[in-house]
PDB file of N, CA and C in Angstrom:
ATOM      1  N   UNK A   1      88.618  98.630  94.006  1.00  0.00           N
ATOM      2  CA  UNK A   1      89.321  98.687  95.311  1.00  0.00           C
ATOM      3  C   UNK A   1      89.888  97.458  95.788  1.00  0.00           C
ATOM      4  N   UNK A   2      89.394  96.312  95.275  1.00  0.00           N
ATOM      5  CA  UNK A   2      89.859  95.061  95.737  1.00  0.00           C
ATOM      6  C   UNK A   2      90.688  94.116  94.692  1.00  0.00           C
ATOM      7  N   UNK A   3      91.064  94.906  93.569  1.00  0.00           N
ATOM      8  CA  UNK A   3      91.842  94.182  92.628  1.00  0.00           C
ATOM      9  C   UNK A   3      93.156  94.828  92.277  1.00  0.00           C
ATOM     10  N   UNK A   4      94.280  94.243  92.827  1.00  0.00           N
ATOM     11  CA  UNK A   4      95.563  94.855  92.454  1.00  0.00           C
ATOM     12  C   UNK A   4      95.958  94.703  91.016  1.00  0.00           C
ATOM     13  N   UNK A   5      95.401  93.700  90.330  1.00  0.00           N
ATOM     14  CA  UNK A   5      95.642  93.567  88.917  1.00  0.00           C
ATOM     15  C   UNK A   5      95.012  94.668  88.142  1.00  0.00           C
ATOM     16  N   UNK A   6      93.786  95.026  88.441  1.00  0.00           N
ATOM     17  CA  UNK A   6      93.044  96.034  87.713  1.00  0.00           C
ATOM     18  C   UNK A   6      93.757  97.544  88.076  1.00  0.00           C
ATOM     19  N   UNK A   7      94.258  97.759  89.293  1.00  0.00           N
ATOM     20  CA  UNK A   7      94.943  98.856  89.558  1.00  0.00           C
ATOM     21  C   UNK A   7      96.152  99.077  88.857  1.00  0.00           C
ATOM     22  N   UNK A   8      96.899  97.895  88.739  1.00  0.00           N
ATOM     23  CA  UNK A   8      98.044  97.912  87.903  1.00  0.00           C
ATOM     24  C   UNK A   8      97.893  98.228  86.455  1.00  0.00           C
ATOM     25  N   UNK A   9      96.782  97.732  85.865  1.00  0.00           N
ATOM     26  CA  UNK A   9      96.441  97.969  84.467  1.00  0.00           C
ATOM     27  C   UNK A   9      96.079  99.445  84.295  1.00  0.00           C
ATOM     28  N   UNK A  10      95.274  99.951  85.228  1.00  0.00           N
ATOM     29  CA  UNK A  10      94.829 101.340  85.041  1.00  0.00           C
ATOM     30  C   UNK A  10      95.975 102.382  85.217  1.00  0.00           C
ATOM     31  N   UNK A  11      96.699 102.169  86.205  1.00  0.00           N
ATOM     32  CA  UNK A  11      97.924 103.078  86.397  1.00  0.00           C
ATOM     33  C   UNK A  11      99.002 102.873  85.504  1.00  0.00           C
ATOM     34  N   UNK A  12      99.144 101.720  84.906  1.00  0.00           N
ATOM     35  CA  UNK A  12     100.133 101.486  83.847  1.00  0.00           C
ATOM     36  C   UNK A  12      99.815 102.278  82.607  1.00  0.00           C
ATOM     37  N   UNK A  13      98.572 102.533  82.412  1.00  0.00           N
ATOM     38  CA  UNK A  13      98.213 103.435  81.205  1.00  0.00           C
ATOM     39  C   UNK A  13      98.438 104.832  81.537  1.00  0.00           C
ATOM     40  N   UNK A  14      98.642 105.257  82.726  1.00  0.00           N
ATOM     41  CA  UNK A  14      98.957 106.599  83.127  1.00  0.00           C
ATOM     42  C   UNK A  14     100.462 106.961  83.313  1.00  0.00           C
ATOM     43  N   UNK A  15     101.255 106.063  82.919  1.00  0.00           N
ATOM     44  CA  UNK A  15     102.720 106.136  83.051  1.00  0.00           C
ATOM     45  C   UNK A  15     103.322 107.398  82.471  1.00  0.00           C
ATOM     46  N   UNK A  16     102.732 107.871  81.384  1.00  0.00           N
ATOM     47  CA  UNK A  16     103.244 109.066  80.750  1.00  0.00           C
ATOM     48  C   UNK A  16     103.046 110.341  81.581  1.00  0.00           C
ATOM     49  N   UNK A  17     102.152 110.217  82.571  1.00  0.00           N
ATOM     50  CA  UNK A  17     101.882 111.293  83.460  1.00  0.00           C
ATOM     51  C   UNK A  17     102.809 111.267  84.766  1.00  0.00           C
ATOM     52  N   UNK A  18     103.629 110.199  84.719  1.00  0.00           N
ATOM     53  CA  UNK A  18     104.593 110.100  85.828  1.00  0.00           C
ATOM     54  C   UNK A  18     103.969 109.236  87.060  1.00  0.00           C
ATOM     55  N   UNK A  19     102.850 108.711  86.881  1.00  0.00           N
ATOM     56  CA  UNK A  19     102.160 107.916  88.016  1.00  0.00           C
ATOM     57  C   UNK A  19     102.848 106.465  88.054  1.00  0.00           C
ATOM     58  N   UNK A  20     103.238 106.109  89.229  1.00  0.00           N
ATOM     59  CA  UNK A  20     103.849 104.767  89.402  1.00  0.00           C
ATOM     60  C   UNK A  20     103.227 104.094  90.682  1.00  0.00           C
ATOM     61  N   UNK A  21     103.039 102.862  90.501  1.00  0.00           N
ATOM     62  CA  UNK A  21     102.651 102.034  91.676  1.00  0.00           C
ATOM     63  C   UNK A  21     103.750 101.377  92.331  1.00  0.00           C
ATOM     64  N   UNK A  22     103.636 101.176  93.737  1.00  0.00           N
ATOM     65  CA  UNK A  22     104.604 100.494  94.502  1.00  0.00           C
ATOM     66  C   UNK A  22     104.007  99.057  94.399  1.00  0.00           C
ATOM     67  N   UNK A  23     104.731  98.085  93.734  1.00  0.00           N
ATOM     68  CA  UNK A  23     104.159  96.695  93.513  1.00  0.00           C
ATOM     69  C   UNK A  23     103.841  96.128  94.937  1.00  0.00           C
ATOM     70  N   UNK A  24     104.703  96.243  95.920  1.00  0.00           N
ATOM     71  CA  UNK A  24     104.364  95.602  97.176  1.00  0.00           C
ATOM     72  C   UNK A  24     103.183  96.226  97.874  1.00  0.00           C
ATOM     73  N   UNK A  25     103.067  97.548  97.918  1.00  0.00           N
ATOM     74  CA  UNK A  25     101.901  98.268  98.493  1.00  0.00           C
ATOM     75  C   UNK A  25     100.646  97.896  97.742  1.00  0.00           C
ATOM     76  N   UNK A  26     100.722  97.640  96.415  1.00  0.00           N
ATOM     77  CA  UNK A  26      99.596  97.437  95.642  1.00  0.00           C
ATOM     78  C   UNK A  26      98.955  95.941  95.944  1.00  0.00           C
ATOM     79  N   UNK A  27      99.773  95.125  96.447  1.00  0.00           N
ATOM     80  CA  UNK A  27      99.270  93.752  96.815  1.00  0.00           C
ATOM     81  C   UNK A  27      98.403  93.811  98.112  1.00  0.00           C
ATOM     82  N   UNK A  28      98.624  94.873  98.810  1.00  0.00           N
ATOM     83  CA  UNK A  28      97.865  94.970 100.157  1.00  0.00           C
ATOM     84  C   UNK A  28      96.412  95.242  99.890  1.00  0.00           C
ATOM     85  N   UNK A  29      95.548  94.829 100.926  1.00  0.00           N
ATOM     86  CA  UNK A  29      94.127  95.062 100.909  1.00  0.00           C
ATOM     87  C   UNK A  29      93.805  96.157 101.906  1.00  0.00           C
ATOM     88  N   UNK A  30      92.707  96.913 101.650  1.00  0.00           N
ATOM     89  CA  UNK A  30      92.242  97.892 102.561  1.00  0.00           C
ATOM     90  C   UNK A  30      92.119  97.326 103.920  1.00  0.00           C
ATOM     91  N   UNK A  31      92.476  98.085 104.953  1.00  0.00           N
ATOM     92  CA  UNK A  31      92.318  97.622 106.340  1.00  0.00           C
ATOM     93  C   UNK A  31      90.819  97.452 106.639  1.00  0.00           C
ATOM     94  N   UNK A  32      90.509  96.458 107.433  1.00  0.00           N
ATOM     95  CA  UNK A  32      89.023  96.261 107.783  1.00  0.00           C
ATOM     96  C   UNK A  32      88.476  97.337 108.648  1.00  0.00           C
ATOM     97  N   UNK A  33      87.335  97.033 109.000  1.00  0.00           N
ATOM     98  CA  UNK A  33      86.530  98.093 109.934  1.00  0.00           C
ATOM     99  C   UNK A  33      85.418  98.732 109.164  1.00  0.00           C
ATOM    100  N   UNK A  34      84.610  99.456 109.914  1.00  0.00           N
ATOM    101  CA  UNK A  34      83.482 100.103 109.434  1.00  0.00           C
ATOM    102  C   UNK A  34      83.835 101.194 108.389  1.00  0.00           C
ATOM    103  N   UNK A  35      84.977 101.927 108.733  1.00  0.00           N
ATOM    104  CA  UNK A  35      85.312 103.061 107.798  1.00  0.00           C
ATOM    105  C   UNK A  35      86.852 102.749 107.442  1.00  0.00           C
ATOM    106  N   UNK A  36      87.079 101.972 106.428  1.00  0.00           N
ATOM    107  CA  UNK A  36      88.565 101.645 106.236  1.00  0.00           C
ATOM    108  C   UNK A  36      89.275 103.021 105.795  1.00  0.00           C
ATOM    109  N   UNK A  37      90.563 103.010 106.286  1.00  0.00           N
ATOM    110  CA  UNK A  37      91.315 104.183 105.871  1.00  0.00           C
ATOM    111  C   UNK A  37      91.881 103.950 104.508  1.00  0.00           C
ATOM    112  N   UNK A  38      92.189 105.001 103.781  1.00  0.00           N
ATOM    113  CA  UNK A  38      92.612 104.861 102.402  1.00  0.00           C
ATOM    114  C   UNK A  38      94.043 104.161 102.467  1.00  0.00           C
ATOM    115  N   UNK A  39      94.330 103.465 101.364  1.00  0.00           N
ATOM    116  CA  UNK A  39      95.534 102.698 101.318  1.00  0.00           C
ATOM    117  C   UNK A  39      96.537 103.320 100.260  1.00  0.00           C
ATOM    118  N   UNK A  40      97.707 103.775 100.598  1.00  0.00           N
ATOM    119  CA  UNK A  40      98.554 104.419  99.636  1.00  0.00           C
ATOM    120  C   UNK A  40      99.262 103.275  98.858  1.00  0.00           C
ATOM    121  N   UNK A  41      99.250 103.469  97.488  1.00  0.00           N
ATOM    122  CA  UNK A  41      99.796 102.425  96.657  1.00  0.00           C
ATOM    123  C   UNK A  41     100.864 102.938  95.609  1.00  0.00           C
ATOM    124  N   UNK A  42     101.055 104.197  95.794  1.00  0.00           N
ATOM    125  CA  UNK A  42     102.010 104.899  94.889  1.00  0.00           C
ATOM    126  C   UNK A  42     103.415 104.657  95.256  1.00  0.00           C
ATOM    127  N   UNK A  43     104.262 104.641  94.320  1.00  0.00           N
ATOM    128  CA  UNK A  43     105.732 104.461  94.525  1.00  0.00           C
ATOM    129  C   UNK A  43     106.245 105.863  95.062  1.00  0.00           C
ATOM    130  N   UNK A  44     107.385 105.830  95.672  1.00  0.00           N
ATOM    131  CA  UNK A  44     108.097 107.063  96.161  1.00  0.00           C
ATOM    132  C   UNK A  44     108.368 108.109  95.116  1.00  0.00           C
ATOM    133  N   UNK A  45     108.658 107.602  93.946  1.00  0.00           N
ATOM    134  CA  UNK A  45     108.971 108.488  92.761  1.00  0.00           C
ATOM    135  C   UNK A  45     107.797 108.760  91.941  1.00  0.00           C
ATOM    136  N   UNK A  46     106.556 108.384  92.255  1.00  0.00           N
ATOM    137  CA  UNK A  46     105.425 108.815  91.539  1.00  0.00           C
ATOM    138  C   UNK A  46     105.168 110.260  91.512  1.00  0.00           C
ATOM    139  N   UNK A  47     104.605 110.793  90.441  1.00  0.00           N
ATOM    140  CA  UNK A  47     104.313 112.132  90.362  1.00  0.00           C
ATOM    141  C   UNK A  47     103.193 112.622  91.175  1.00  0.00           C
ATOM    142  N   UNK A  48     102.446 111.737  91.648  1.00  0.00           N
ATOM    143  CA  UNK A  48     101.277 112.032  92.563  1.00  0.00           C
ATOM    144  C   UNK A  48     101.089 110.854  93.462  1.00  0.00           C
ATOM    145  N   UNK A  49     100.399 111.047  94.508  1.00  0.00           N
ATOM    146  CA  UNK A  49      99.959 110.070  95.478  1.00  0.00           C
ATOM    147  C   UNK A  49      98.798 109.368  94.863  1.00  0.00           C
ATOM    148  N   UNK A  50      98.870 107.989  94.887  1.00  0.00           N
ATOM    149  CA  UNK A  50      97.770 107.094  94.473  1.00  0.00           C
ATOM    150  C   UNK A  50      97.251 106.368  95.728  1.00  0.00           C
ATOM    151  N   UNK A  51      95.911 106.565  95.914  1.00  0.00           N
ATOM    152  CA  UNK A  51      95.210 106.042  97.030  1.00  0.00           C
ATOM    153  C   UNK A  51      94.148 104.997  96.579  1.00  0.00           C
ATOM    154  N   UNK A  52      93.943 104.042  97.391  1.00  0.00           N
ATOM    155  CA  UNK A  52      92.726 103.168  97.198  1.00  0.00           C
ATOM    156  C   UNK A  52      91.774 103.492  98.315  1.00  0.00           C
ATOM    157  N   UNK A  53      90.527 103.870  97.933  1.00  0.00           N
ATOM    158  CA  UNK A  53      89.622 104.337  98.798  1.00  0.00           C
ATOM    159  C   UNK A  53      88.418 103.396  98.793  1.00  0.00           C
ATOM    160  N   UNK A  54      87.918 102.934  99.994  1.00  0.00           N
ATOM    161  CA  UNK A  54      86.691 102.112  99.971  1.00  0.00           C
ATOM    162  C   UNK A  54      85.548 102.861  99.641  1.00  0.00           C
ATOM    163  N   UNK A  55      84.641 102.123  98.799  1.00  0.00           N
ATOM    164  CA  UNK A  55      83.496 102.771  98.241  1.00  0.00           C
ATOM    165  C   UNK A  55      82.324 102.828  99.134  1.00  0.00           C
ATOM    166  N   UNK A  56      82.235 101.839  99.997  1.00  0.00           N
ATOM    167  CA  UNK A  56      80.962 101.773 100.986  1.00  0.00           C
ATOM    168  C   UNK A  56      79.613 101.895 100.177  1.00  0.00           C
ATOM    169  N   UNK A  57      79.437 101.076  99.085  1.00  0.00           N
ATOM    170  CA  UNK A  57      78.187 101.099  98.460  1.00  0.00           C
ATOM    171  C   UNK A  57      77.010 100.816  99.399  1.00  0.00           C
ATOM    172  N   UNK A  58      77.147  99.972 100.344  1.00  0.00           N
ATOM    173  CA  UNK A  58      76.114  99.636 101.190  1.00  0.00           C
ATOM    174  C   UNK A  58      75.647 100.866 102.018  1.00  0.00           C
ATOM    175  N   UNK A  59      76.535 101.885 102.355  1.00  0.00           N
ATOM    176  CA  UNK A  59      76.098 103.062 103.041  1.00  0.00           C
ATOM    177  C   UNK A  59      75.233 103.832 102.135  1.00  0.00           C
ATOM    178  N   UNK A  60      75.680 103.979 100.806  1.00  0.00           N
ATOM    179  CA  UNK A  60      75.063 104.827  99.872  1.00  0.00           C
ATOM    180  C   UNK A  60      73.659 104.281  99.644  1.00  0.00           C
ATOM    181  N   UNK A  61      73.522 102.927  99.423  1.00  0.00           N
ATOM    182  CA  UNK A  61      72.128 102.280  99.256  1.00  0.00           C
ATOM    183  C   UNK A  61      71.251 102.517 100.466  1.00  0.00           C
ATOM    184  N   UNK A  62      71.768 102.384 101.667  1.00  0.00           N
ATOM    185  CA  UNK A  62      70.927 102.619 102.855  1.00  0.00           C
ATOM    186  C   UNK A  62      70.527 104.082 102.894  1.00  0.00           C
ATOM    187  N   UNK A  63      71.413 104.890 102.757  1.00  0.00           N
ATOM    188  CA  UNK A  63      71.067 106.388 102.773  1.00  0.00           C
ATOM    189  C   UNK A  63      69.996 106.756 101.756  1.00  0.00           C
ATOM    190  N   UNK A  64      70.080 106.270 100.551  1.00  0.00           N
ATOM    191  CA  UNK A  64      69.141 106.627  99.440  1.00  0.00           C
ATOM    192  C   UNK A  64      67.739 105.895  99.793  1.00  0.00           C
ATOM    193  N   UNK A  65      67.727 104.702 100.350  1.00  0.00           N
ATOM    194  CA  UNK A  65      66.523 104.025 100.746  1.00  0.00           C
ATOM    195  C   UNK A  65      65.821 104.791 101.814  1.00  0.00           C
ATOM    196  N   UNK A  66      66.547 105.257 102.768  1.00  0.00           N
ATOM    197  CA  UNK A  66      65.963 106.048 103.884  1.00  0.00           C
ATOM    198  C   UNK A  66      65.357 107.345 103.304  1.00  0.00           C
ATOM    199  N   UNK A  67      66.063 108.041 102.427  1.00  0.00           N
ATOM    200  CA  UNK A  67      65.535 109.326 101.821  1.00  0.00           C
ATOM    201  C   UNK A  67      64.185 108.993 101.057  1.00  0.00           C
ATOM    202  N   UNK A  68      64.174 107.872 100.237  1.00  0.00           N
ATOM    203  CA  UNK A  68      62.939 107.557  99.533  1.00  0.00           C
ATOM    204  C   UNK A  68      61.755 107.139 100.533  1.00  0.00           C
ATOM    205  N   UNK A  69      62.077 106.481 101.563  1.00  0.00           N
ATOM    206  CA  UNK A  69      61.111 106.132 102.540  1.00  0.00           C
ATOM    207  C   UNK A  69      60.525 107.391 103.225  1.00  0.00           C
ATOM    208  N   UNK A  70      61.460 108.376 103.643  1.00  0.00           N
ATOM    209  CA  UNK A  70      60.995 109.469 104.283  1.00  0.00           C
ATOM    210  C   UNK A  70      60.152 110.361 103.274  1.00  0.00           C
ATOM    211  N   UNK A  71      60.460 110.479 102.022  1.00  0.00           N
ATOM    212  CA  UNK A  71      59.686 111.263 101.127  1.00  0.00           C
ATOM    213  C   UNK A  71      58.359 110.638 100.921  1.00  0.00           C
ATOM    214  N   UNK A  72      58.279 109.227 100.814  1.00  0.00           N
ATOM    215  CA  UNK A  72      56.931 108.604 100.647  1.00  0.00           C
ATOM    216  C   UNK A  72      56.123 108.898 101.847  1.00  0.00           C
ATOM    217  N   UNK A  73      56.641 108.822 103.058  1.00  0.00           N
ATOM    218  CA  UNK A  73      55.863 109.155 104.262  1.00  0.00           C
ATOM    219  C   UNK A  73      55.467 110.663 104.356  1.00  0.00           C
ATOM    220  N   UNK A  74      56.120 111.473 103.553  1.00  0.00           N
ATOM    221  CA  UNK A  74      55.691 112.909 103.653  1.00  0.00           C
ATOM    222  C   UNK A  74      54.721 113.264 102.368  1.00  0.00           C
ATOM    223  N   UNK A  75      54.317 112.261 101.798  1.00  0.00           N
ATOM    224  CA  UNK A  75      53.314 112.455 100.562  1.00  0.00           C
ATOM    225  C   UNK A  75      54.087 112.750  99.295  1.00  0.00           C
ATOM    226  N   UNK A  76      55.396 112.409  99.267  1.00  0.00           N
ATOM    227  CA  UNK A  76      56.094 112.552  98.040  1.00  0.00           C
ATOM    228  C   UNK A  76      56.171 111.250  97.271  1.00  0.00           C
ATOM    229  N   UNK A  77      56.931 111.005  96.331  1.00  0.00           N
ATOM    230  CA  UNK A  77      57.169 109.838  95.526  1.00  0.00           C
ATOM    231  C   UNK A  77      55.884 109.049  95.324  1.00  0.00           C
TER     232      UNK A  77
END
């Protein structure tokens, strides 16, 4: 999500499917905030829309930790 170079390499390998990046948009970063909005990086003539979506791994870790703690308190795990 934070590497324009990696996105370019990945989408470059999908050119046969008609996917194209907008080089200018690809240089942008996801907007800040608690829940960043997806960033469109596809070119106008791309066969599909290409979006960069924030992963929010910290939320997933917190949720899984809370679930484990709740189960432990209920006699599980």
